[in-house]
Amino acid sequence: MAAVSNDGSVQYGSRTIQIPASTGDTFVADNVEVTRGTNVIEQTDQLGEPSGQVIVDAFVTGTAQIQMIASTDPPLLGEEFAETFVTSIGSETFIVSEVGQPETKDGEKKVNISFRKKYN
């Protein structure tokens, strides 16, 4: 059900993702979190005092909880999906790297997945 009214100032809801990217099932993804970190290389002098550093991008990783659809299996390890999480970055391709085993009582069936950005 869509919002009765949205003036554009409140971000809400979850997103859908298609796994695998072009031929797969569409899942509703809740609690999506993408991590864009850094790796730090530190240099010290002969006494161990800081003398320099380099900060470079780390691998982009993420997690999500996806709702299972009737008669649909969870995504498989290695399957890919494309999504735009940051408009200025644009569409990125991600690889499913971990899949939980969904079992629940008295609720919708969901599975936790982890994913990593595809670089090549």
N, C-alpha and C. Protein backbone atom coordinates (compact mmCIF):
# COMPACT_ATOMS: atom_id res chain seq x y z
N MET A 1 0.84 -1.17 0.00
CA MET A 1 0.00 0.00 0.00
C MET A 1 0.89 1.23 0.00
N ALA A 2 0.65 2.11 -0.89
CA ALA A 2 1.45 3.33 -1.01
C ALA A 2 0.97 4.38 -0.01
N ALA A 3 1.82 5.36 0.22
CA ALA A 3 1.46 6.46 1.12
C ALA A 3 0.30 7.25 0.53
N VAL A 4 -0.61 7.70 1.39
CA VAL A 4 -1.71 8.54 0.94
C VAL A 4 -1.17 9.86 0.41
N SER A 5 -0.14 10.36 1.09
CA SER A 5 0.50 11.60 0.67
C SER A 5 1.95 11.57 1.09
N ASN A 6 2.82 12.09 0.25
CA ASN A 6 4.23 12.20 0.58
C ASN A 6 4.75 13.48 -0.06
N ASP A 7 5.14 14.43 0.77
CA ASP A 7 5.61 15.71 0.23
C ASP A 7 7.05 15.65 -0.24
N GLY A 8 7.68 14.48 -0.15
CA GLY A 8 9.05 14.31 -0.63
C GLY A 8 10.11 14.55 0.42
N SER A 9 9.70 14.96 1.63
CA SER A 9 10.69 15.26 2.66
C SER A 9 10.99 14.08 3.58
N VAL A 10 10.21 13.01 3.48
CA VAL A 10 10.40 11.85 4.35
C VAL A 10 10.75 10.64 3.50
N GLN A 11 11.93 10.09 3.73
CA GLN A 11 12.33 8.85 3.06
C GLN A 11 11.75 7.68 3.84
N TYR A 12 11.11 6.75 3.16
CA TYR A 12 10.49 5.63 3.87
C TYR A 12 10.45 4.41 2.97
N GLY A 13 10.16 3.27 3.57
CA GLY A 13 9.97 2.04 2.83
C GLY A 13 11.27 1.29 2.58
N SER A 14 11.13 0.15 1.96
CA SER A 14 12.29 -0.66 1.60
C SER A 14 12.43 -0.64 0.09
N ARG A 15 13.22 -1.53 -0.46
CA ARG A 15 13.43 -1.57 -1.91
C ARG A 15 13.28 -2.99 -2.40
N THR A 16 13.14 -3.14 -3.70
CA THR A 16 13.10 -4.47 -4.29
C THR A 16 14.40 -4.69 -5.05
N ILE A 17 14.87 -5.93 -5.03
CA ILE A 17 16.06 -6.30 -5.78
C ILE A 17 15.75 -7.58 -6.56
N GLN A 18 16.34 -7.71 -7.73
CA GLN A 18 16.14 -8.88 -8.57
C GLN A 18 17.40 -9.72 -8.55
N ILE A 19 17.28 -10.98 -8.09
CA ILE A 19 18.42 -11.89 -7.99
C ILE A 19 18.06 -13.19 -8.70
N PRO A 20 18.89 -13.64 -9.68
CA PRO A 20 19.98 -12.96 -10.36
C PRO A 20 19.49 -11.73 -11.13
N ALA A 21 20.44 -10.90 -11.49
CA ALA A 21 20.17 -9.55 -11.97
C ALA A 21 19.14 -9.47 -13.09
N SER A 22 19.25 -10.25 -14.13
CA SER A 22 18.37 -10.05 -15.29
C SER A 22 17.27 -11.10 -15.42
N THR A 23 17.42 -12.24 -14.78
CA THR A 23 16.46 -13.33 -14.99
C THR A 23 15.85 -13.84 -13.70
N GLY A 24 16.17 -13.23 -12.59
CA GLY A 24 15.77 -13.80 -11.31
C GLY A 24 14.44 -13.33 -10.77
N ASP A 25 14.20 -13.72 -9.53
CA ASP A 25 13.00 -13.33 -8.81
C ASP A 25 13.22 -11.97 -8.17
N THR A 26 12.14 -11.25 -7.98
CA THR A 26 12.20 -9.96 -7.31
C THR A 26 11.88 -10.17 -5.84
N PHE A 27 12.78 -9.73 -4.98
CA PHE A 27 12.62 -9.86 -3.54
C PHE A 27 12.45 -8.47 -2.93
N VAL A 28 11.66 -8.37 -1.87
CA VAL A 28 11.59 -7.15 -1.08
C VAL A 28 12.73 -7.22 -0.08
N ALA A 29 13.60 -6.21 -0.10
CA ALA A 29 14.77 -6.18 0.77
C ALA A 29 14.54 -5.18 1.90
N ASP A 30 14.59 -5.67 3.13
CA ASP A 30 14.44 -4.84 4.32
C ASP A 30 15.79 -4.73 5.03
N ASN A 31 15.91 -3.73 5.87
CA ASN A 31 17.11 -3.58 6.72
C ASN A 31 18.40 -3.66 5.91
N VAL A 32 18.43 -3.00 4.78
CA VAL A 32 19.62 -3.01 3.92
C VAL A 32 20.66 -2.08 4.51
N GLU A 33 21.90 -2.58 4.59
CA GLU A 33 23.00 -1.75 5.05
C GLU A 33 24.21 -2.00 4.18
N VAL A 34 24.70 -0.93 3.55
CA VAL A 34 25.88 -1.00 2.71
C VAL A 34 27.01 -0.29 3.44
N THR A 35 28.18 -0.93 3.50
CA THR A 35 29.33 -0.37 4.20
C THR A 35 30.41 0.01 3.19
N ARG A 36 30.80 1.28 3.23
CA ARG A 36 31.87 1.79 2.38
C ARG A 36 32.97 2.30 3.31
N GLY A 37 33.94 1.45 3.57
CA GLY A 37 35.00 1.79 4.52
C GLY A 37 36.31 2.12 3.84
N THR A 38 37.34 2.20 4.66
CA THR A 38 38.69 2.47 4.17
C THR A 38 39.68 1.51 4.81
N ASN A 39 40.83 1.36 4.16
CA ASN A 39 41.99 0.68 4.72
C ASN A 39 43.05 1.74 4.98
N VAL A 40 43.68 1.68 6.13
CA VAL A 40 44.69 2.65 6.49
C VAL A 40 46.04 1.96 6.58
N ILE A 41 47.02 2.52 5.88
CA ILE A 41 48.41 2.06 5.96
C ILE A 41 49.16 3.12 6.74
N GLU A 42 49.70 2.72 7.89
CA GLU A 42 50.39 3.68 8.75
C GLU A 42 51.90 3.48 8.69
N GLN A 43 52.61 4.60 8.75
CA GLN A 43 54.07 4.56 8.76
C GLN A 43 54.55 5.26 10.02
N THR A 44 55.53 4.64 10.66
CA THR A 44 56.10 5.25 11.86
C THR A 44 57.61 5.40 11.69
N ASP A 45 58.19 6.27 12.52
CA ASP A 45 59.64 6.44 12.47
C ASP A 45 60.31 5.39 13.36
N GLN A 46 61.61 5.55 13.59
CA GLN A 46 62.38 4.56 14.34
C GLN A 46 61.94 4.45 15.79
N LEU A 47 61.22 5.44 16.31
CA LEU A 47 60.73 5.40 17.69
C LEU A 47 59.27 4.96 17.78
N GLY A 48 58.66 4.72 16.65
CA GLY A 48 57.27 4.29 16.64
C GLY A 48 56.28 5.44 16.59
N GLU A 49 56.79 6.67 16.38
CA GLU A 49 55.90 7.81 16.29
C GLU A 49 55.36 7.93 14.86
N PRO A 50 54.12 8.37 14.72
CA PRO A 50 53.53 8.50 13.38
C PRO A 50 54.34 9.44 12.49
N SER A 51 54.57 8.99 11.24
CA SER A 51 55.28 9.84 10.29
C SER A 51 54.55 9.94 8.95
N GLY A 52 53.50 9.16 8.77
CA GLY A 52 52.74 9.24 7.53
C GLY A 52 51.65 8.19 7.49
N GLN A 53 50.75 8.38 6.56
CA GLN A 53 49.68 7.41 6.38
C GLN A 53 49.10 7.51 4.98
N VAL A 54 48.48 6.42 4.57
CA VAL A 54 47.75 6.37 3.32
C VAL A 54 46.38 5.78 3.63
N ILE A 55 45.34 6.42 3.13
CA ILE A 55 43.98 5.92 3.32
C ILE A 55 43.39 5.63 1.94
N VAL A 56 42.99 4.36 1.75
CA VAL A 56 42.43 3.94 0.47
C VAL A 56 41.06 3.28 0.70
N ASP A 57 40.28 3.23 -0.35
CA ASP A 57 38.97 2.58 -0.25
C ASP A 57 39.12 1.11 0.12
N ALA A 58 38.21 0.63 0.95
CA ALA A 58 38.12 -0.81 1.26
C ALA A 58 37.05 -1.42 0.36
N PHE A 59 36.89 -2.72 0.44
CA PHE A 59 35.85 -3.39 -0.31
C PHE A 59 34.48 -2.94 0.18
N VAL A 60 33.55 -2.77 -0.73
CA VAL A 60 32.18 -2.40 -0.39
C VAL A 60 31.42 -3.69 -0.09
N THR A 61 30.81 -3.75 1.09
CA THR A 61 30.05 -4.92 1.51
C THR A 61 28.67 -4.50 2.00
N GLY A 62 27.80 -5.46 2.18
CA GLY A 62 26.48 -5.12 2.68
C GLY A 62 25.72 -6.32 3.19
N THR A 63 24.60 -6.02 3.84
CA THR A 63 23.70 -7.05 4.34
C THR A 63 22.27 -6.61 4.06
N ALA A 64 21.37 -7.56 4.02
CA ALA A 64 19.95 -7.27 3.85
C ALA A 64 19.15 -8.45 4.36
N GLN A 65 17.92 -8.18 4.68
CA GLN A 65 16.96 -9.23 5.02
C GLN A 65 15.92 -9.23 3.91
N ILE A 66 15.80 -10.34 3.20
CA ILE A 66 14.88 -10.36 2.07
C ILE A 66 13.67 -11.25 2.38
N GLN A 67 12.52 -10.79 1.92
CA GLN A 67 11.28 -11.53 2.12
C GLN A 67 11.19 -12.63 1.08
N MET A 68 10.85 -13.81 1.55
CA MET A 68 10.69 -14.94 0.64
C MET A 68 9.33 -14.85 -0.04
N ILE A 69 9.30 -15.22 -1.31
CA ILE A 69 8.09 -15.23 -2.10
C ILE A 69 7.57 -16.67 -2.13
N ALA A 70 6.29 -16.84 -2.28
CA ALA A 70 5.71 -18.19 -2.32
C ALA A 70 6.45 -19.06 -3.32
N SER A 71 6.83 -20.25 -2.91
CA SER A 71 7.50 -21.28 -3.71
C SER A 71 8.82 -20.80 -4.33
N THR A 72 9.47 -19.81 -3.72
CA THR A 72 10.76 -19.34 -4.22
C THR A 72 11.86 -19.70 -3.23
N ASP A 73 12.94 -20.27 -3.75
CA ASP A 73 14.09 -20.57 -2.92
C ASP A 73 14.86 -19.30 -2.66
N PRO A 74 15.67 -19.27 -1.60
CA PRO A 74 16.51 -18.09 -1.37
C PRO A 74 17.57 -17.98 -2.47
N PRO A 75 18.19 -16.80 -2.60
CA PRO A 75 19.26 -16.65 -3.59
C PRO A 75 20.39 -17.64 -3.32
N LEU A 76 21.12 -17.98 -4.36
CA LEU A 76 22.26 -18.88 -4.24
C LEU A 76 23.55 -18.08 -4.08
N LEU A 77 24.52 -18.67 -3.43
CA LEU A 77 25.84 -18.05 -3.32
C LEU A 77 26.38 -17.77 -4.72
N GLY A 78 26.93 -16.60 -4.92
CA GLY A 78 27.53 -16.24 -6.20
C GLY A 78 26.58 -15.56 -7.16
N GLU A 79 25.27 -15.58 -6.87
CA GLU A 79 24.34 -14.87 -7.76
C GLU A 79 24.56 -13.37 -7.62
N GLU A 80 24.26 -12.65 -8.69
CA GLU A 80 24.53 -11.21 -8.73
C GLU A 80 23.25 -10.41 -8.85
N PHE A 81 23.30 -9.18 -8.37
CA PHE A 81 22.21 -8.23 -8.58
C PHE A 81 22.80 -6.84 -8.75
N ALA A 82 22.06 -5.99 -9.46
CA ALA A 82 22.49 -4.61 -9.68
C ALA A 82 21.56 -3.68 -8.92
N GLU A 83 22.12 -2.66 -8.30
CA GLU A 83 21.32 -1.73 -7.52
C GLU A 83 22.03 -0.39 -7.42
N THR A 84 21.25 0.68 -7.33
CA THR A 84 21.80 2.00 -7.09
C THR A 84 21.49 2.38 -5.65
N PHE A 85 22.50 2.40 -4.81
CA PHE A 85 22.33 2.80 -3.42
C PHE A 85 22.66 4.28 -3.22
N VAL A 86 23.60 4.80 -4.03
CA VAL A 86 23.99 6.21 -3.97
C VAL A 86 23.87 6.77 -5.38
N THR A 87 23.01 7.76 -5.55
CA THR A 87 22.73 8.29 -6.88
C THR A 87 23.99 8.78 -7.58
N SER A 88 24.88 9.46 -6.85
CA SER A 88 26.08 10.01 -7.48
C SER A 88 27.06 8.92 -7.92
N ILE A 89 26.98 7.73 -7.33
CA ILE A 89 27.83 6.60 -7.74
C ILE A 89 27.18 5.86 -8.91
N GLY A 90 25.87 5.73 -8.89
CA GLY A 90 25.16 5.02 -9.95
C GLY A 90 25.00 3.55 -9.65
N SER A 91 24.57 2.81 -10.64
CA SER A 91 24.31 1.38 -10.48
C SER A 91 25.62 0.62 -10.23
N GLU A 92 25.55 -0.29 -9.29
CA GLU A 92 26.69 -1.15 -8.96
C GLU A 92 26.20 -2.60 -8.99
N THR A 93 27.10 -3.53 -9.29
CA THR A 93 26.77 -4.95 -9.27
C THR A 93 27.33 -5.56 -8.00
N PHE A 94 26.51 -6.39 -7.35
CA PHE A 94 26.90 -7.04 -6.09
C PHE A 94 26.76 -8.54 -6.23
N ILE A 95 27.58 -9.28 -5.48
CA ILE A 95 27.60 -10.74 -5.49
C ILE A 95 27.13 -11.23 -4.12
N VAL A 96 26.17 -12.16 -4.11
CA VAL A 96 25.69 -12.74 -2.85
C VAL A 96 26.81 -13.60 -2.28
N SER A 97 27.26 -13.28 -1.05
CA SER A 97 28.38 -13.99 -0.44
C SER A 97 28.00 -14.86 0.75
N GLU A 98 26.83 -14.63 1.34
CA GLU A 98 26.33 -15.46 2.45
C GLU A 98 24.81 -15.51 2.37
N VAL A 99 24.24 -16.65 2.70
CA VAL A 99 22.79 -16.80 2.71
C VAL A 99 22.41 -17.56 3.97
N GLY A 100 21.45 -17.02 4.72
CA GLY A 100 20.94 -17.71 5.90
C GLY A 100 19.89 -18.73 5.51
N GLN A 101 19.45 -19.50 6.49
CA GLN A 101 18.41 -20.49 6.27
C GLN A 101 17.12 -19.98 6.89
N PRO A 102 16.12 -19.63 6.09
CA PRO A 102 14.91 -19.03 6.64
C PRO A 102 13.97 -20.04 7.28
N GLU A 103 13.67 -19.85 8.53
CA GLU A 103 12.64 -20.62 9.22
C GLU A 103 11.99 -19.68 10.22
N THR A 104 10.67 -19.67 10.27
CA THR A 104 9.98 -18.77 11.17
C THR A 104 8.64 -19.36 11.59
N LYS A 105 8.08 -18.81 12.64
CA LYS A 105 6.76 -19.20 13.10
C LYS A 105 5.92 -17.94 13.21
N ASP A 106 4.70 -18.00 12.72
CA ASP A 106 3.75 -16.90 12.87
C ASP A 106 4.23 -15.60 12.23
N GLY A 107 4.83 -15.67 11.09
CA GLY A 107 5.26 -14.45 10.43
C GLY A 107 5.70 -14.72 9.00
N GLU A 108 6.00 -13.65 8.29
CA GLU A 108 6.48 -13.83 6.93
C GLU A 108 7.87 -14.45 6.97
N LYS A 109 8.20 -15.19 5.94
CA LYS A 109 9.48 -15.88 5.88
C LYS A 109 10.51 -14.95 5.28
N LYS A 110 11.61 -14.76 6.00
CA LYS A 110 12.69 -13.88 5.55
C LYS A 110 14.02 -14.60 5.69
N VAL A 111 14.99 -14.16 4.90
CA VAL A 111 16.33 -14.74 4.95
C VAL A 111 17.34 -13.59 4.95
N ASN A 112 18.39 -13.74 5.75
CA ASN A 112 19.46 -12.75 5.80
C ASN A 112 20.50 -13.11 4.74
N ILE A 113 20.94 -12.08 4.00
CA ILE A 113 22.01 -12.29 3.02
C ILE A 113 23.11 -11.26 3.26
N SER A 114 24.31 -11.61 2.84
CA SER A 114 25.44 -10.67 2.79
C SER A 114 25.87 -10.59 1.33
N PHE A 115 26.42 -9.44 0.96
CA PHE A 115 26.85 -9.27 -0.43
C PHE A 115 28.09 -8.39 -0.48
N ARG A 116 28.81 -8.51 -1.60
CA ARG A 116 30.05 -7.75 -1.83
C ARG A 116 29.99 -7.15 -3.24
N LYS A 117 30.56 -5.98 -3.38
CA LYS A 117 30.58 -5.32 -4.69
C LYS A 117 31.46 -6.11 -5.65
N LYS A 118 31.01 -6.20 -6.91
CA LYS A 118 31.78 -6.84 -7.97
C LYS A 118 32.64 -5.76 -8.62
N TYR A 119 33.94 -5.99 -8.74
CA TYR A 119 34.86 -4.97 -9.28
C TYR A 119 35.27 -5.25 -10.71
N ASN A 120 35.26 -6.48 -11.15
CA ASN A 120 35.69 -6.81 -12.52
C ASN A 120 34.59 -7.51 -13.27
